[in-house]
Amino acid sequence: GQKALIVISPAQKTIETAASTLVFRVEIKRSMKHVPDETAEVYRKMAGNRGFEIFTAEDGTFVYLIGKFITFESASEYADLLRRNGYRDAKVSAYLGSKEIPVDTAKQLFEK
């Protein structure tokens, strides 16, 4: 009477099998504190249909990102446009899935 009829094994962790996508993004700002809601809304409007996201980096900073660009050149053109319009912190960053990687590494991966 003490023995179970069926043995239930603990749930196994789901392994991420999908390949991560390598993309270039335009980083508008990186800050230890959230920007005011009004500022975030301005960023969202600037992004338009390119998309806008706020990530928390590994060091705890908040990263404000626009778009997902296939090439470094297209992301760089957009970052240049933002810098010309007063957003001097705008720069290109690279992400493999949701993990930030060095831009030079991403460029080398695209060349292969």
N, C-alpha and C. Protein backbone atom coordinates (compact mmCIF):
# COMPACT_ATOMS: atom_id res chain seq x y z
N GLY A 1 0.78 -1.18 0.00
CA GLY A 1 0.00 0.00 0.00
C GLY A 1 0.84 1.27 0.00
N GLN A 2 2.16 1.19 0.29
CA GLN A 2 3.01 2.36 0.34
C GLN A 2 3.69 2.64 -0.99
N LYS A 3 3.58 1.77 -1.95
CA LYS A 3 4.25 1.92 -3.24
C LYS A 3 3.31 2.58 -4.25
N ALA A 4 3.81 3.61 -4.95
CA ALA A 4 3.01 4.34 -5.94
C ALA A 4 2.77 3.47 -7.17
N LEU A 5 1.62 3.66 -7.80
CA LEU A 5 1.32 2.92 -9.02
C LEU A 5 2.15 3.41 -10.20
N ILE A 6 2.35 4.72 -10.25
CA ILE A 6 3.18 5.29 -11.31
C ILE A 6 4.26 6.16 -10.69
N VAL A 7 5.41 6.17 -11.33
CA VAL A 7 6.51 6.99 -10.84
C VAL A 7 6.58 8.23 -11.72
N ILE A 8 6.48 9.38 -11.09
CA ILE A 8 6.54 10.65 -11.82
C ILE A 8 7.94 11.19 -11.69
N SER A 9 8.61 11.34 -12.82
CA SER A 9 9.98 11.88 -12.79
C SER A 9 9.92 13.39 -12.76
N PRO A 10 10.94 14.03 -12.13
CA PRO A 10 10.95 15.50 -12.10
C PRO A 10 10.98 16.08 -13.50
N ALA A 11 10.38 17.26 -13.64
CA ALA A 11 10.34 17.92 -14.95
C ALA A 11 11.75 18.22 -15.42
N GLN A 12 11.98 17.94 -16.67
CA GLN A 12 13.30 18.20 -17.23
C GLN A 12 13.31 19.61 -17.81
N LYS A 13 14.50 20.24 -17.74
CA LYS A 13 14.64 21.58 -18.28
C LYS A 13 14.49 21.54 -19.79
N THR A 14 13.82 22.53 -20.31
CA THR A 14 13.68 22.64 -21.75
C THR A 14 14.96 23.23 -22.31
N ILE A 15 15.51 22.58 -23.30
CA ILE A 15 16.74 23.06 -23.92
C ILE A 15 16.37 23.89 -25.13
N GLU A 16 16.96 25.08 -25.22
CA GLU A 16 16.68 25.96 -26.35
C GLU A 16 17.35 25.39 -27.59
N THR A 17 16.53 24.92 -28.53
CA THR A 17 17.09 24.27 -29.71
C THR A 17 17.13 25.20 -30.91
N ALA A 18 16.35 26.26 -30.87
CA ALA A 18 16.34 27.18 -32.01
C ALA A 18 17.64 27.98 -32.05
N ALA A 19 18.15 28.18 -33.25
CA ALA A 19 19.37 28.95 -33.41
C ALA A 19 19.11 30.42 -33.12
N SER A 20 20.05 31.05 -32.43
CA SER A 20 19.92 32.47 -32.14
C SER A 20 20.20 33.27 -33.40
N THR A 21 19.48 34.36 -33.56
CA THR A 21 19.64 35.21 -34.73
C THR A 21 20.61 36.33 -34.42
N LEU A 22 21.52 36.58 -35.34
CA LEU A 22 22.49 37.66 -35.21
C LEU A 22 21.93 38.90 -35.89
N VAL A 23 21.78 40.00 -35.12
CA VAL A 23 21.25 41.24 -35.68
C VAL A 23 22.04 42.42 -35.14
N PHE A 24 22.00 43.49 -35.90
CA PHE A 24 22.55 44.76 -35.45
C PHE A 24 21.39 45.61 -34.97
N ARG A 25 21.62 46.35 -33.88
CA ARG A 25 20.59 47.21 -33.32
C ARG A 25 21.20 48.59 -33.14
N VAL A 26 20.36 49.61 -33.03
CA VAL A 26 20.84 50.95 -32.73
C VAL A 26 20.53 51.23 -31.27
N GLU A 27 21.60 51.45 -30.52
CA GLU A 27 21.47 51.76 -29.10
C GLU A 27 21.36 53.28 -28.96
N ILE A 28 20.25 53.74 -28.41
CA ILE A 28 20.04 55.18 -28.23
C ILE A 28 20.71 55.65 -26.95
N LYS A 29 20.56 54.85 -25.91
CA LYS A 29 21.06 55.27 -24.60
C LYS A 29 21.30 54.04 -23.74
N ARG A 30 22.27 54.16 -22.84
CA ARG A 30 22.56 53.14 -21.82
C ARG A 30 22.66 53.89 -20.50
N SER A 31 21.87 53.46 -19.51
CA SER A 31 21.77 54.21 -18.27
C SER A 31 21.58 53.28 -17.08
N MET A 32 22.08 53.71 -15.92
CA MET A 32 21.89 52.94 -14.69
C MET A 32 20.45 53.06 -14.18
N LYS A 33 19.75 54.12 -14.57
CA LYS A 33 18.36 54.32 -14.16
C LYS A 33 17.48 54.40 -15.40
N HIS A 34 16.21 54.06 -15.22
CA HIS A 34 15.25 54.20 -16.33
C HIS A 34 15.15 55.68 -16.71
N VAL A 35 14.99 55.93 -18.01
CA VAL A 35 14.72 57.30 -18.44
C VAL A 35 13.25 57.60 -18.10
N PRO A 36 12.88 58.87 -17.99
CA PRO A 36 11.47 59.21 -17.73
C PRO A 36 10.56 58.63 -18.82
N ASP A 37 9.33 58.36 -18.45
CA ASP A 37 8.36 57.78 -19.40
C ASP A 37 8.21 58.64 -20.65
N GLU A 38 8.27 59.96 -20.50
CA GLU A 38 8.14 60.85 -21.66
C GLU A 38 9.29 60.63 -22.64
N THR A 39 10.49 60.45 -22.12
CA THR A 39 11.67 60.21 -22.97
C THR A 39 11.54 58.87 -23.67
N ALA A 40 11.13 57.85 -22.95
CA ALA A 40 10.94 56.52 -23.56
C ALA A 40 9.89 56.59 -24.66
N GLU A 41 8.86 57.39 -24.47
CA GLU A 41 7.83 57.53 -25.50
C GLU A 41 8.38 58.22 -26.75
N VAL A 42 9.27 59.20 -26.56
CA VAL A 42 9.93 59.85 -27.70
C VAL A 42 10.76 58.83 -28.47
N TYR A 43 11.50 57.98 -27.75
CA TYR A 43 12.29 56.93 -28.39
C TYR A 43 11.39 55.98 -29.18
N ARG A 44 10.26 55.62 -28.57
CA ARG A 44 9.32 54.71 -29.23
C ARG A 44 8.78 55.31 -30.53
N LYS A 45 8.46 56.62 -30.50
CA LYS A 45 7.97 57.30 -31.71
C LYS A 45 9.06 57.38 -32.77
N MET A 46 10.31 57.63 -32.34
CA MET A 46 11.42 57.68 -33.30
C MET A 46 11.61 56.33 -34.00
N ALA A 47 11.39 55.27 -33.26
CA ALA A 47 11.58 53.93 -33.80
C ALA A 47 10.53 53.61 -34.87
N GLY A 48 9.34 54.17 -34.71
CA GLY A 48 8.28 53.90 -35.68
C GLY A 48 8.02 52.42 -35.81
N ASN A 49 8.01 51.92 -37.05
CA ASN A 49 7.72 50.50 -37.29
C ASN A 49 8.97 49.63 -37.19
N ARG A 50 10.12 50.21 -36.84
CA ARG A 50 11.36 49.43 -36.69
C ARG A 50 11.37 48.63 -35.39
N GLY A 51 10.59 49.08 -34.42
CA GLY A 51 10.54 48.41 -33.12
C GLY A 51 11.44 49.09 -32.10
N PHE A 52 11.03 49.05 -30.86
CA PHE A 52 11.76 49.66 -29.75
C PHE A 52 11.73 48.71 -28.57
N GLU A 53 12.89 48.49 -27.96
CA GLU A 53 12.96 47.60 -26.80
C GLU A 53 13.88 48.19 -25.74
N ILE A 54 13.59 47.82 -24.51
CA ILE A 54 14.45 48.18 -23.38
C ILE A 54 14.96 46.88 -22.79
N PHE A 55 16.28 46.70 -22.82
CA PHE A 55 16.91 45.51 -22.25
C PHE A 55 17.62 45.89 -20.97
N THR A 56 17.76 44.93 -20.09
CA THR A 56 18.62 45.10 -18.92
C THR A 56 19.89 44.31 -19.21
N ALA A 57 21.02 45.02 -19.27
CA ALA A 57 22.30 44.39 -19.57
C ALA A 57 22.78 43.58 -18.37
N GLU A 58 23.81 42.77 -18.59
CA GLU A 58 24.36 41.93 -17.54
C GLU A 58 24.86 42.75 -16.36
N ASP A 59 25.32 43.98 -16.61
CA ASP A 59 25.84 44.82 -15.53
C ASP A 59 24.73 45.63 -14.83
N GLY A 60 23.48 45.39 -15.22
CA GLY A 60 22.35 46.04 -14.57
C GLY A 60 21.92 47.35 -15.22
N THR A 61 22.61 47.79 -16.26
CA THR A 61 22.22 49.03 -16.92
C THR A 61 21.04 48.77 -17.85
N PHE A 62 20.29 49.82 -18.11
CA PHE A 62 19.15 49.74 -19.02
C PHE A 62 19.62 50.20 -20.40
N VAL A 63 19.34 49.39 -21.41
CA VAL A 63 19.77 49.67 -22.78
C VAL A 63 18.53 49.90 -23.63
N TYR A 64 18.47 51.05 -24.30
CA TYR A 64 17.33 51.44 -25.12
C TYR A 64 17.71 51.21 -26.58
N LEU A 65 17.00 50.28 -27.23
CA LEU A 65 17.36 49.82 -28.58
C LEU A 65 16.25 50.07 -29.59
N ILE A 66 16.68 50.42 -30.80
CA ILE A 66 15.75 50.58 -31.92
C ILE A 66 16.12 49.58 -33.00
N GLY A 67 15.11 48.93 -33.53
CA GLY A 67 15.22 48.12 -34.74
C GLY A 67 16.03 46.85 -34.62
N LYS A 68 15.96 46.08 -35.71
CA LYS A 68 16.77 44.89 -35.92
C LYS A 68 17.23 44.99 -37.37
N PHE A 69 18.49 45.34 -37.55
CA PHE A 69 19.03 45.57 -38.88
C PHE A 69 19.85 44.36 -39.31
N ILE A 70 19.73 43.99 -40.57
CA ILE A 70 20.43 42.83 -41.08
C ILE A 70 21.91 43.13 -41.30
N THR A 71 22.22 44.34 -41.74
CA THR A 71 23.63 44.69 -42.00
C THR A 71 24.11 45.79 -41.07
N PHE A 72 25.42 45.81 -40.84
CA PHE A 72 26.02 46.86 -40.04
C PHE A 72 25.81 48.22 -40.71
N GLU A 73 25.92 48.25 -42.03
CA GLU A 73 25.79 49.51 -42.76
C GLU A 73 24.43 50.15 -42.57
N SER A 74 23.37 49.36 -42.64
CA SER A 74 22.02 49.93 -42.48
C SER A 74 21.82 50.43 -41.05
N ALA A 75 22.33 49.72 -40.06
CA ALA A 75 22.23 50.17 -38.66
C ALA A 75 23.07 51.42 -38.45
N SER A 76 24.24 51.46 -39.07
CA SER A 76 25.14 52.60 -38.93
C SER A 76 24.53 53.87 -39.53
N GLU A 77 23.87 53.74 -40.67
CA GLU A 77 23.20 54.88 -41.30
C GLU A 77 22.13 55.45 -40.37
N TYR A 78 21.37 54.57 -39.73
CA TYR A 78 20.31 55.03 -38.84
C TYR A 78 20.91 55.68 -37.58
N ALA A 79 21.97 55.11 -37.04
CA ALA A 79 22.64 55.69 -35.87
C ALA A 79 23.21 57.06 -36.22
N ASP A 80 23.79 57.20 -37.42
CA ASP A 80 24.31 58.50 -37.87
C ASP A 80 23.20 59.54 -37.95
N LEU A 81 22.05 59.14 -38.47
CA LEU A 81 20.90 60.03 -38.56
C LEU A 81 20.49 60.52 -37.16
N LEU A 82 20.44 59.60 -36.21
CA LEU A 82 20.07 59.98 -34.84
C LEU A 82 21.11 60.93 -34.23
N ARG A 83 22.39 60.67 -34.46
CA ARG A 83 23.44 61.56 -33.94
C ARG A 83 23.33 62.95 -34.54
N ARG A 84 23.04 63.03 -35.84
CA ARG A 84 22.87 64.34 -36.49
C ARG A 84 21.66 65.10 -35.93
N ASN A 85 20.71 64.36 -35.35
CA ASN A 85 19.52 64.98 -34.78
C ASN A 85 19.60 65.13 -33.27
N GLY A 86 20.81 65.10 -32.73
CA GLY A 86 21.00 65.41 -31.32
C GLY A 86 21.14 64.26 -30.35
N TYR A 87 21.03 63.04 -30.82
CA TYR A 87 21.18 61.88 -29.93
C TYR A 87 22.62 61.38 -30.03
N ARG A 88 23.52 62.09 -29.35
CA ARG A 88 24.96 61.84 -29.51
C ARG A 88 25.42 60.49 -28.98
N ASP A 89 24.61 59.83 -28.16
CA ASP A 89 24.97 58.51 -27.64
C ASP A 89 24.58 57.37 -28.58
N ALA A 90 23.88 57.67 -29.66
CA ALA A 90 23.40 56.63 -30.57
C ALA A 90 24.59 55.92 -31.21
N LYS A 91 24.53 54.58 -31.19
CA LYS A 91 25.60 53.78 -31.80
C LYS A 91 25.04 52.42 -32.19
N VAL A 92 25.81 51.70 -32.99
CA VAL A 92 25.42 50.37 -33.43
C VAL A 92 25.88 49.36 -32.38
N SER A 93 25.00 48.42 -32.06
CA SER A 93 25.36 47.31 -31.19
C SER A 93 24.91 46.02 -31.88
N ALA A 94 25.48 44.91 -31.44
CA ALA A 94 25.15 43.62 -32.07
C ALA A 94 24.62 42.67 -31.02
N TYR A 95 23.63 41.88 -31.41
CA TYR A 95 23.02 40.91 -30.50
C TYR A 95 22.90 39.57 -31.19
N LEU A 96 23.26 38.54 -30.44
CA LEU A 96 23.07 37.16 -30.87
C LEU A 96 21.95 36.63 -29.99
N GLY A 97 20.74 36.58 -30.55
CA GLY A 97 19.57 36.30 -29.73
C GLY A 97 19.34 37.50 -28.82
N SER A 98 19.34 37.27 -27.51
CA SER A 98 19.17 38.37 -26.57
C SER A 98 20.48 38.73 -25.86
N LYS A 99 21.60 38.18 -26.35
CA LYS A 99 22.90 38.42 -25.73
C LYS A 99 23.70 39.40 -26.58
N GLU A 100 24.20 40.45 -25.94
CA GLU A 100 25.01 41.43 -26.66
C GLU A 100 26.39 40.85 -26.92
N ILE A 101 26.89 41.07 -28.14
CA ILE A 101 28.23 40.64 -28.51
C ILE A 101 28.97 41.84 -29.10
N PRO A 102 30.31 41.78 -29.13
CA PRO A 102 31.06 42.89 -29.73
C PRO A 102 30.71 43.06 -31.22
N VAL A 103 30.62 44.30 -31.66
CA VAL A 103 30.25 44.60 -33.05
C VAL A 103 31.27 44.00 -34.02
N ASP A 104 32.56 44.08 -33.67
CA ASP A 104 33.59 43.51 -34.55
C ASP A 104 33.40 42.01 -34.73
N THR A 105 33.03 41.31 -33.68
CA THR A 105 32.78 39.87 -33.76
C THR A 105 31.60 39.61 -34.69
N ALA A 106 30.54 40.40 -34.55
CA ALA A 106 29.36 40.24 -35.39
C ALA A 106 29.70 40.48 -36.87
N LYS A 107 30.51 41.49 -37.14
CA LYS A 107 30.92 41.76 -38.52
C LYS A 107 31.67 40.58 -39.10
N GLN A 108 32.56 39.98 -38.30
CA GLN A 108 33.32 38.83 -38.77
C GLN A 108 32.40 37.64 -39.04
N LEU A 109 31.40 37.44 -38.21
CA LEU A 109 30.46 36.34 -38.41
C LEU A 109 29.65 36.54 -39.69
N PHE A 110 29.31 37.79 -40.01
CA PHE A 110 28.57 38.07 -41.24
C PHE A 110 29.42 37.84 -42.48
N GLU A 111 30.73 38.06 -42.35
CA GLU A 111 31.62 37.89 -43.51
C GLU A 111 31.81 36.43 -43.88
N LYS A 112 31.62 35.54 -42.91
CA LYS A 112 31.85 34.10 -43.16
C LYS A 112 30.70 33.46 -43.88
